[in-house]
Protein backbone atom coordinates (compact mmCIF):
# COMPACT_ATOMS: atom_id res chain seq x y z
CA MET A 1 13.22 -0.71 -15.01
CA ASP A 2 10.08 0.52 -14.43
CA ILE A 3 9.16 -2.93 -13.09
CA LEU A 4 11.66 -2.47 -10.61
CA TRP A 5 10.36 0.80 -9.25
CA PHE A 6 7.13 -0.85 -9.31
CA LEU A 7 8.15 -3.85 -7.05
CA LEU A 8 10.32 -1.20 -4.47
CA ILE A 9 7.69 1.38 -3.97
CA GLY A 10 5.09 -1.82 -3.25
CA LEU A 11 7.86 -3.17 -0.90
CA ILE A 12 8.14 0.05 0.75
CA ALA A 13 4.81 0.57 1.17
CA GLY A 14 3.56 -2.83 2.11
CA TRP A 15 6.57 -2.54 5.36
CA LEU A 16 5.38 0.96 6.19
CA ALA A 17 1.18 -0.05 6.08
CA GLY A 18 2.79 -3.43 8.20
CA GLN A 19 4.56 -1.33 10.73
CA ILE A 20 1.55 1.74 11.24
CA MET A 21 -0.61 -1.12 11.51
CA GLN A 22 0.90 -2.62 14.35
CA GLY A 23 0.62 -6.06 12.56
CA GLY A 24 4.62 -6.70 11.73
CA GLY A 25 5.70 -7.20 8.23
CA TYR A 26 4.27 -9.73 6.07
CA GLY A 27 7.57 -10.71 4.60
CA ILE A 28 9.18 -9.61 1.62
CA ILE A 29 6.95 -11.20 -0.80
CA GLY A 30 3.37 -10.35 1.31
CA ASP A 31 4.75 -6.57 1.95
CA ILE A 32 4.95 -6.52 -2.05
CA VAL A 33 1.70 -7.72 -2.71
CA VAL A 34 0.13 -5.57 0.00
CA GLY A 35 1.82 -2.74 -1.27
CA ILE A 36 1.28 -3.37 -4.87
CA VAL A 37 -2.61 -4.09 -4.41
CA GLY A 38 -2.30 -0.92 -1.99
CA SER A 39 -1.19 1.37 -4.62
CA ILE A 40 -4.38 0.27 -6.74
CA VAL A 41 -6.27 0.79 -3.81
CA GLY A 42 -4.71 4.22 -2.95
CA GLY A 43 -4.62 5.33 -6.78
CA PHE A 44 -8.65 4.25 -6.93
CA LEU A 45 -9.05 6.49 -3.81
CA PHE A 46 -7.12 9.34 -4.37
CA ASP A 47 -8.94 9.61 -7.81
CA LEU A 48 -12.17 9.16 -6.04
CA LEU A 49 -11.12 12.28 -3.77
CA GLY A 50 -9.53 14.23 -6.70
CA ILE A 51 -6.03 14.14 -4.85
CA THR A 52 -2.80 13.90 -7.16
CA ALA A 53 0.29 12.24 -6.20
CA TYR A 54 3.33 13.39 -7.72
CA GLY A 55 6.80 11.65 -7.70
CA THR A 56 8.21 9.08 -5.86
CA LEU A 57 7.43 10.29 -2.57
CA GLY A 58 3.58 10.95 -3.56
CA SER A 59 3.38 7.51 -5.08
CA ILE A 60 4.42 5.62 -1.67
CA VAL A 61 2.21 7.68 0.41
CA MET A 62 -0.28 6.93 -1.91
CA ALA A 63 0.37 3.18 -1.82
CA VAL A 64 0.79 3.33 2.14
CA VAL A 65 -2.80 4.47 2.51
CA GLY A 66 -4.33 2.03 0.01
CA ALA A 67 -2.36 -0.87 1.86
CA ILE A 68 -3.40 0.61 5.52
CA LEU A 69 -7.03 0.40 4.47
CA LEU A 70 -6.68 -3.02 2.41
CA ILE A 71 -5.33 -4.49 5.86
CA THR A 72 -8.20 -2.78 7.80
CA ILE A 73 -10.98 -4.09 5.55
CA LEU A 74 -8.98 -7.58 5.74
CA ARG A 75 -9.13 -7.57 9.49
CA MET A 76 -12.77 -6.82 9.73
CA ILE A 77 -13.35 -9.58 7.25
CA LYS A 78 -11.15 -11.87 9.21
CA HIS A 79 -12.51 -11.00 12.66
CA ALA A 80 -16.52 -11.10 11.48
């Protein structure tokens, strides 16, 4: 059951990051991948800054922040 929550949070975070970054979505699989990688990046960033995210909403916020950072870095590399 935990893997389903992980994938659902990844999907939500990836979709939200795509909407916030004005790039639209990346499809279901792309949104999940962006959200999962974003959650790893966000977890690292939050830990580095000493911020703790609690609960499902905190996990989504952390993953969205990480996904936005990931998308920004990928766009900078693509345009370089």
